[in-house]
Amino acid sequence: MLDFMQEDRTFLAETYAQIQAFTAQISELEDAIARLREAQQLALDRLNSYKYPVLSLPDEMVCEIFVRFLPPYPDPSPLVGLLSPTTLTHVCRRWREVALATPDLWKAIDLIPPDCLSQISSTRSIGTIPLNSLHQTRARTLGSLWIKRSGTHPLSIRAVDLDNPSFPIFSTLLPHRARLEHLTLHLRSGLPLLKLTTDPLPRLRSLNLWFQNGLTRPVVLTDVPLLRVVVLGDVRVPSIALPWAQLTSLTLRSVYPEHIMRILRQSANLLDCTLLFWAAEEPARGDPEPDVVLWRLQTLVVETESEVIVEFFQHLVAPSLCRLEAPDAFFLWGGGTSSSQALHTFIAKSGCKLHKLCITEL
């Protein structure tokens, strides 16, 4: 009996000892956990107080970075994709707020889908270019949204097929025509241009026009006091009237030489000029016309496979010409004379001092 009780006392003593040991260990662990929780909170506080360096920049600097992220104005930004300002609105809430409050990000708009743009560049035609319904919807929705976000800033617009009745972005663009500063249009006809020119375009500085089916009615565009740069492609020049005398840069593509000469006679202030000739529409008749003298012209680029280039240079005088780019046909001037003789003849007649000469092979 006594032995049994002694065993119970021993068991209880050992158990109490274990409990005390466990309690001591738990206390040590709780102290360790408390210290870890304190360290964790300090780390959380440091993390919560941390700001990414870019988020510490003032809004003005962020705006400038955003603007430089995009293609330089007036080159338009795509509606979607990496180079679209829409990308900036998807990064974080602050970037979205800054981007939406920066009109400069939204003032240059490309309404031409990338696949159509590459086809236009290669064919200079929109006759076979389909605009799928997805792009039409996107252009209509995003184009209107961008114009709204641009505030009252001048606009740079590049668009295709505005006269397509299923592509009503033109109706959105029309009320903002007074803000147009740079305009590139690839059209099937001249109807949208006729609508655009019913009112003045006081801010328009550059105009780039391509027509698939030509102009059915004459277009007169004279109330454009700031217009200085014009590019015309596949245009019958007699169908369009522009203030040629105020232009400083002119590009004419797929135009008859007699029309080119008629325009150049009115373009006395040109600084640079690019010309792509078609063969003459009809042979010249009557008395020869006087030479075209472009006193201020500094750069001339001529592209043609036609022999009319010979007559063109015979009737051109450019005293200030510094850079000339011409096809090798130019250097066959005069029935096989040497290139140096042909060049000497033109330079001597113009009295210019060429700094750069580029000979191209078409």
Protein backbone atom coordinates (compact mmCIF):
# COMPACT_ATOMS: atom_id res chain seq x y z
CA MET A 1 0.00 0.00 0.00
CA LEU A 2 2.76 2.41 0.93
CA ASP A 3 4.69 1.49 -2.19
CA PHE A 4 1.69 2.25 -4.37
CA MET A 5 1.23 5.67 -2.82
CA GLN A 6 4.89 6.43 -3.24
CA GLU A 7 4.62 5.68 -6.96
CA ASP A 8 1.66 8.06 -7.24
CA ARG A 9 3.58 10.82 -5.55
CA THR A 10 6.52 10.26 -7.88
CA PHE A 11 4.26 10.29 -10.97
CA LEU A 12 2.52 13.48 -9.90
CA ALA A 13 5.80 15.22 -9.12
CA GLU A 14 7.25 14.31 -12.53
CA THR A 15 4.07 15.45 -14.27
CA TYR A 16 4.05 18.78 -12.45
CA ALA A 17 7.67 19.22 -13.39
CA GLN A 18 6.86 18.57 -17.06
CA ILE A 19 4.00 21.06 -16.93
CA GLN A 20 6.27 23.69 -15.45
CA ALA A 21 8.85 22.98 -18.14
CA PHE A 22 6.22 23.27 -20.88
CA THR A 23 4.91 26.46 -19.33
CA ALA A 24 8.42 27.92 -19.27
CA GLN A 25 8.95 26.93 -22.93
CA ILE A 26 5.59 28.40 -23.90
CA SER A 27 6.48 31.61 -22.14
CA GLU A 28 9.79 31.78 -23.96
CA LEU A 29 8.07 31.07 -27.28
CA GLU A 30 5.40 33.68 -26.62
CA ASP A 31 8.14 36.20 -25.86
CA ALA A 32 9.86 35.21 -29.11
CA ILE A 33 6.56 35.47 -31.03
CA ALA A 34 5.92 38.86 -29.47
CA ARG A 35 9.35 40.04 -30.57
CA LEU A 36 8.74 38.61 -34.08
CA ARG A 37 5.35 40.32 -34.26
CA GLU A 38 6.96 43.59 -33.26
CA ALA A 39 9.63 43.14 -35.91
CA GLN A 40 6.93 42.21 -38.42
CA GLN A 41 4.98 45.37 -37.65
CA LEU A 42 8.09 47.50 -38.03
CA ALA A 43 8.71 45.89 -41.44
CA LEU A 44 5.08 46.50 -42.42
CA ASP A 45 5.33 50.12 -41.30
CA ARG A 46 8.48 50.58 -43.41
CA LEU A 47 6.77 48.93 -46.38
CA ASN A 48 3.65 51.07 -46.01
CA SER A 49 5.69 54.23 -45.76
CA TYR A 50 7.82 53.33 -48.83
CA LYS A 51 7.15 55.11 -52.13
CA TYR A 52 8.43 53.95 -55.49
CA PRO A 53 10.77 56.67 -56.75
CA VAL A 54 8.64 57.28 -59.83
CA LEU A 55 5.58 57.86 -57.63
CA SER A 56 7.44 60.51 -55.67
CA LEU A 57 7.84 62.69 -58.77
CA PRO A 58 5.63 65.76 -59.09
CA ASP A 59 2.73 65.49 -61.51
CA GLU A 60 4.32 68.01 -63.89
CA MET A 61 7.38 65.79 -64.33
CA VAL A 62 5.26 62.66 -64.76
CA CYS A 63 3.27 64.46 -67.47
CA GLU A 64 6.48 65.34 -69.30
CA ILE A 65 7.69 61.73 -69.12
CA PHE A 66 4.34 60.52 -70.43
CA VAL A 67 4.43 62.93 -73.36
CA ARG A 68 7.96 61.82 -74.28
CA PHE A 69 6.85 58.19 -74.10
CA LEU A 70 4.60 58.73 -77.13
CA PRO A 71 5.63 59.36 -80.75
CA PRO A 72 6.68 63.00 -81.16
CA TYR A 73 3.82 65.29 -82.11
CA PRO A 74 2.30 65.56 -84.68
CA ASP A 75 2.88 61.84 -85.34
CA PRO A 76 -0.33 60.19 -84.11
CA SER A 77 -0.48 57.50 -81.44
CA PRO A 78 -2.30 54.20 -82.09
CA LEU A 79 -5.60 53.74 -80.32
CA VAL A 80 -4.35 50.61 -78.57
CA GLY A 81 -1.04 48.86 -78.01
CA LEU A 82 2.28 49.63 -76.36
CA LEU A 83 2.67 53.12 -77.86
CA SER A 84 -0.87 54.15 -77.00
CA PRO A 85 -1.41 56.49 -74.04
CA THR A 86 -4.15 54.10 -72.98
CA THR A 87 -1.34 51.80 -71.79
CA LEU A 88 -0.35 54.41 -69.19
CA THR A 89 -3.82 54.31 -67.66
CA HIS A 90 -3.49 50.59 -66.88
CA VAL A 91 -0.43 50.79 -64.60
CA CYS A 92 -1.79 52.26 -61.37
CA ARG A 93 -4.46 54.65 -60.11
CA ARG A 94 -2.16 57.70 -59.91
CA TRP A 95 -0.80 57.18 -63.42
CA ARG A 96 -4.35 56.87 -64.69
CA GLU A 97 -5.35 60.11 -63.00
CA VAL A 98 -2.31 61.94 -64.37
CA ALA A 99 -2.76 60.56 -67.90
CA LEU A 100 -6.44 61.44 -68.07
CA ALA A 101 -5.65 64.98 -66.87
CA THR A 102 -2.99 65.52 -69.57
CA PRO A 103 -4.62 66.68 -72.86
CA ASP A 104 -1.29 66.52 -74.72
CA LEU A 105 -1.44 62.71 -74.59
CA TRP A 106 -4.69 62.54 -76.53
CA LYS A 107 -4.35 65.25 -79.20
CA ALA A 108 -2.67 63.10 -81.91
CA ILE A 109 -5.03 60.33 -83.03
CA ASP A 110 -4.43 57.52 -85.51
CA LEU A 111 -7.74 56.17 -86.81
CA ILE A 112 -6.02 53.89 -89.35
CA PRO A 113 -5.50 50.29 -88.18
CA PRO A 114 -1.85 49.16 -88.41
CA ASP A 115 -2.53 46.50 -91.05
CA CYS A 116 -4.32 49.05 -93.25
CA LEU A 117 -1.51 51.56 -92.75
CA SER A 118 1.12 49.16 -94.04
CA GLN A 119 -1.06 48.34 -97.05
CA ILE A 120 -1.65 52.03 -97.77
CA SER A 121 2.10 52.68 -97.59
CA SER A 122 2.83 49.94 -100.11
CA THR A 123 -0.08 50.49 -102.54
CA ARG A 124 -1.08 54.12 -101.88
CA SER A 125 -4.65 52.90 -102.36
CA ILE A 126 -7.60 52.17 -100.14
CA GLY A 127 -9.75 50.62 -102.81
CA THR A 128 -9.25 47.08 -101.56
CA ILE A 129 -8.63 47.77 -97.87
CA PRO A 130 -11.36 46.31 -95.65
CA LEU A 131 -12.16 47.96 -92.34
CA ASN A 132 -13.62 45.27 -90.11
CA SER A 133 -16.47 46.02 -87.75
CA LEU A 134 -14.21 45.69 -84.70
CA HIS A 135 -11.95 48.52 -85.88
CA GLN A 136 -14.92 50.66 -86.89
CA THR A 137 -16.43 50.33 -83.42
CA ARG A 138 -13.10 50.90 -81.70
CA ALA A 139 -12.27 53.94 -83.83
CA ARG A 140 -15.68 55.48 -83.28
CA THR A 141 -15.63 54.92 -79.51
CA LEU A 142 -11.99 55.65 -78.73
CA GLY A 143 -11.69 58.45 -81.28
CA SER A 144 -14.56 60.33 -79.66
CA LEU A 145 -13.11 59.67 -76.20
CA TRP A 146 -9.63 60.92 -77.18
CA ILE A 147 -11.03 64.09 -78.73
CA LYS A 148 -12.89 64.77 -75.49
CA ARG A 149 -9.77 64.12 -73.39
CA SER A 150 -7.69 66.46 -75.57
CA GLY A 151 -9.65 69.41 -74.24
CA THR A 152 -9.18 72.49 -76.41
CA HIS A 153 -5.72 71.54 -77.72
CA PRO A 154 -4.96 71.47 -81.47
CA LEU A 155 -5.51 68.07 -83.08
CA SER A 156 -3.40 65.85 -85.33
CA ILE A 157 -5.62 63.31 -87.09
CA ARG A 158 -4.82 60.46 -89.47
CA ALA A 159 -7.87 58.70 -90.89
CA VAL A 160 -8.94 56.43 -93.72
CA ASP A 161 -12.20 55.88 -95.56
CA LEU A 162 -14.14 58.63 -93.77
CA ASP A 163 -16.72 58.60 -96.55
CA ASN A 164 -17.71 55.02 -95.72
CA PRO A 165 -21.28 55.25 -94.33
CA SER A 166 -20.54 52.39 -91.94
CA PHE A 167 -17.61 54.33 -90.46
CA PRO A 168 -19.26 57.37 -88.81
CA ILE A 169 -16.19 58.76 -87.02
CA PHE A 170 -16.26 61.69 -89.46
CA SER A 171 -19.44 63.02 -87.84
CA THR A 172 -17.53 63.11 -84.54
CA LEU A 173 -14.54 64.87 -86.08
CA LEU A 174 -16.49 67.53 -87.98
CA PRO A 175 -17.50 69.70 -84.97
CA HIS A 176 -13.83 69.99 -83.98
CA ARG A 177 -12.45 71.03 -87.39
CA ALA A 178 -11.43 74.46 -86.03
CA ARG A 179 -8.90 72.62 -83.81
CA LEU A 180 -7.32 70.63 -86.68
CA GLU A 181 -3.60 71.38 -86.92
CA HIS A 182 -2.26 68.37 -88.85
CA LEU A 183 -4.58 66.32 -91.04
CA THR A 184 -3.89 63.17 -93.08
CA LEU A 185 -6.81 61.69 -95.02
CA HIS A 186 -6.95 58.62 -97.27
CA LEU A 187 -10.33 58.89 -98.99
CA ARG A 188 -12.37 57.16 -101.66
CA SER A 189 -13.82 60.49 -102.75
CA GLY A 190 -13.64 64.15 -101.86
CA LEU A 191 -16.95 64.38 -100.01
CA PRO A 192 -15.47 64.55 -96.46
CA LEU A 193 -13.02 67.22 -97.60
CA LEU A 194 -15.86 69.25 -99.08
CA LYS A 195 -17.65 69.14 -95.72
CA LEU A 196 -14.47 70.06 -93.85
CA THR A 197 -13.82 73.12 -95.98
CA THR A 198 -17.23 74.74 -95.56
CA ASP A 199 -15.80 76.62 -92.56
CA PRO A 200 -12.33 78.09 -91.91
CA LEU A 201 -9.56 75.87 -90.59
CA PRO A 202 -7.66 78.53 -88.62
CA ARG A 203 -5.10 76.18 -87.01
CA LEU A 204 -4.33 73.89 -89.93
CA ARG A 205 -0.57 73.73 -90.55
CA SER A 206 -0.12 70.56 -92.62
CA LEU A 207 -2.45 68.71 -94.98
CA ASN A 208 -1.84 65.24 -96.45
CA LEU A 209 -4.48 64.05 -98.94
CA TRP A 210 -4.85 60.82 -100.91
CA PHE A 211 -7.86 60.03 -103.07
CA GLN A 212 -8.92 56.67 -104.46
CA ASN A 213 -11.52 57.92 -106.95
CA GLY A 214 -10.43 61.49 -107.43
CA LEU A 215 -12.46 64.61 -106.77
CA THR A 216 -15.91 64.73 -108.32
CA ARG A 217 -16.33 68.41 -107.41
CA PRO A 218 -13.73 71.17 -107.02
CA VAL A 219 -12.45 71.79 -103.51
CA VAL A 220 -11.42 75.31 -102.52
CA LEU A 221 -9.31 75.56 -99.38
CA THR A 222 -8.19 79.15 -98.94
CA ASP A 223 -9.16 80.16 -95.39
CA VAL A 224 -6.16 78.38 -93.84
CA PRO A 225 -3.79 81.16 -92.74
CA LEU A 226 -1.26 78.84 -91.04
CA LEU A 227 -1.06 76.16 -93.73
CA ARG A 228 2.58 75.61 -94.72
CA VAL A 229 2.97 71.89 -95.58
CA VAL A 230 0.93 70.03 -98.21
CA VAL A 231 1.16 66.48 -99.53
CA LEU A 232 -1.12 65.51 -102.43
CA GLY A 233 -1.36 62.00 -103.84
CA ASP A 234 -3.48 60.79 -106.76
CA VAL A 235 -5.13 64.19 -107.02
CA ARG A 236 -6.13 65.90 -110.24
CA VAL A 237 -4.68 69.25 -109.35
CA PRO A 238 -7.22 71.40 -111.27
CA SER A 239 -9.89 70.04 -108.88
CA ILE A 240 -8.31 71.50 -105.76
CA ALA A 241 -7.44 75.12 -104.98
CA LEU A 242 -4.96 75.84 -102.19
CA PRO A 243 -3.06 78.96 -101.11
CA TRP A 244 0.08 77.81 -102.91
CA ALA A 245 1.98 81.05 -102.32
CA GLN A 246 2.08 80.58 -98.53
CA LEU A 247 3.42 77.00 -98.63
CA THR A 248 7.01 76.22 -97.60
CA SER A 249 6.89 72.45 -98.19
CA LEU A 250 5.09 70.68 -101.02
CA THR A 251 4.89 67.02 -102.07
CA LEU A 252 3.03 66.07 -105.24
CA ARG A 253 2.70 62.37 -106.11
CA SER A 254 1.19 60.82 -109.22
CA VAL A 255 0.58 64.23 -110.78
CA TYR A 256 0.92 65.28 -114.42
CA PRO A 257 3.93 67.51 -115.17
CA GLU A 258 1.87 70.33 -116.67
CA HIS A 259 -0.09 70.52 -113.42
CA ILE A 260 3.14 70.48 -111.41
CA MET A 261 4.57 73.40 -113.34
CA ARG A 262 1.33 75.33 -112.94
CA ILE A 263 1.47 74.88 -109.16
CA LEU A 264 5.18 75.69 -108.85
CA ARG A 265 4.65 79.00 -110.61
CA GLN A 266 2.31 79.94 -107.75
CA SER A 267 4.56 78.54 -104.98
CA ALA A 268 7.24 81.17 -104.70
CA ASN A 269 8.01 80.53 -101.02
CA LEU A 270 8.82 76.83 -101.16
CA LEU A 271 11.82 75.67 -99.14
CA ASP A 272 11.56 71.97 -100.00
CA CYS A 273 9.69 70.09 -102.68
CA THR A 274 9.14 66.41 -103.58
CA LEU A 275 7.67 65.47 -106.96
CA LEU A 276 6.52 62.18 -108.48
CA PHE A 277 5.69 62.64 -112.17
CA TRP A 278 3.25 60.81 -114.33
CA ALA A 279 3.79 60.86 -118.07
CA ALA A 280 2.50 64.01 -119.71
CA GLU A 281 -1.28 64.02 -120.20
CA GLU A 282 -0.89 65.67 -123.59
CA PRO A 283 2.05 67.16 -125.51
CA ALA A 284 2.79 70.83 -124.97
CA ARG A 285 1.41 73.17 -127.61
CA GLY A 286 1.79 76.81 -128.44
CA ASP A 287 4.51 79.13 -127.27
CA PRO A 288 6.86 77.77 -124.59
CA GLU A 289 6.07 78.99 -121.11
CA PRO A 290 8.66 80.93 -119.11
CA ASP A 291 10.95 79.21 -116.64
CA VAL A 292 9.74 78.49 -113.13
CA VAL A 293 11.96 80.40 -110.70
CA LEU A 294 11.90 79.26 -107.06
CA TRP A 295 14.17 81.71 -105.30
CA ARG A 296 13.95 80.15 -101.82
CA LEU A 297 13.92 76.43 -102.71
CA GLN A 298 16.64 74.57 -100.81
CA THR A 299 15.72 70.88 -101.22
CA LEU A 300 14.32 69.19 -104.31
CA VAL A 301 13.47 65.49 -104.66
CA VAL A 302 12.25 64.20 -108.02
CA GLU A 303 10.97 60.67 -108.64
CA THR A 304 9.92 59.58 -112.12
CA GLU A 305 10.56 57.03 -114.83
CA SER A 306 9.28 59.41 -117.49
CA GLU A 307 11.42 61.40 -119.87
CA VAL A 308 9.52 64.55 -118.91
CA ILE A 309 12.14 65.07 -116.22
CA VAL A 310 14.43 66.43 -118.92
CA GLU A 311 11.99 69.17 -119.88
CA PHE A 312 11.21 69.83 -116.23
CA PHE A 313 14.80 70.66 -115.35
CA GLN A 314 15.19 72.71 -118.51
CA HIS A 315 12.45 75.02 -117.27
CA LEU A 316 13.43 75.17 -113.59
CA VAL A 317 15.65 77.75 -111.89
CA ALA A 318 16.48 77.34 -108.20
CA PRO A 319 19.19 79.79 -107.09
CA SER A 320 19.17 78.70 -103.40
CA LEU A 321 19.12 74.94 -104.01
CA CYS A 322 21.40 73.05 -101.58
CA ARG A 323 20.21 69.45 -101.86
CA LEU A 324 19.11 67.64 -105.01
CA GLU A 325 17.83 64.08 -105.26
CA ALA A 326 17.03 62.95 -108.79
CA PRO A 327 16.79 59.69 -110.77
CA ASP A 328 19.59 58.69 -113.07
CA ALA A 329 17.37 59.66 -116.03
CA PHE A 330 18.20 63.27 -115.23
CA PHE A 331 21.83 62.58 -116.08
CA LEU A 332 20.93 61.34 -119.56
CA TRP A 333 19.94 64.90 -120.40
CA GLY A 334 20.70 66.01 -123.92
CA GLY A 335 20.88 62.65 -125.68
CA GLY A 336 23.59 60.96 -123.70
CA THR A 337 25.72 63.76 -122.36
CA SER A 338 27.76 62.89 -119.31
CA SER A 339 26.33 63.27 -115.86
CA SER A 340 28.86 65.96 -114.99
CA GLN A 341 27.86 68.03 -118.04
CA ALA A 342 24.14 67.69 -117.24
CA LEU A 343 24.69 68.69 -113.65
CA HIS A 344 26.91 71.60 -114.66
CA THR A 345 24.23 72.87 -117.05
CA PHE A 346 21.54 72.90 -114.37
CA ILE A 347 23.81 74.42 -111.70
CA ALA A 348 25.09 77.08 -114.06
CA LYS A 349 21.58 78.04 -115.10
CA SER A 350 20.35 78.22 -111.50
CA GLY A 351 23.48 79.75 -110.04
CA CYS A 352 23.09 77.49 -106.99
CA LYS A 353 25.73 75.85 -104.79
CA LEU A 354 24.79 72.23 -104.16
CA HIS A 355 25.89 70.78 -100.83
CA LYS A 356 24.42 67.32 -101.39
CA LEU A 357 23.57 65.35 -104.52
CA CYS A 358 21.78 61.99 -104.42
CA ILE A 359 21.28 59.93 -107.61
CA THR A 360 18.54 57.31 -107.40
CA GLU A 361 17.74 54.37 -109.63
CA LEU A 362 14.03 53.77 -110.27
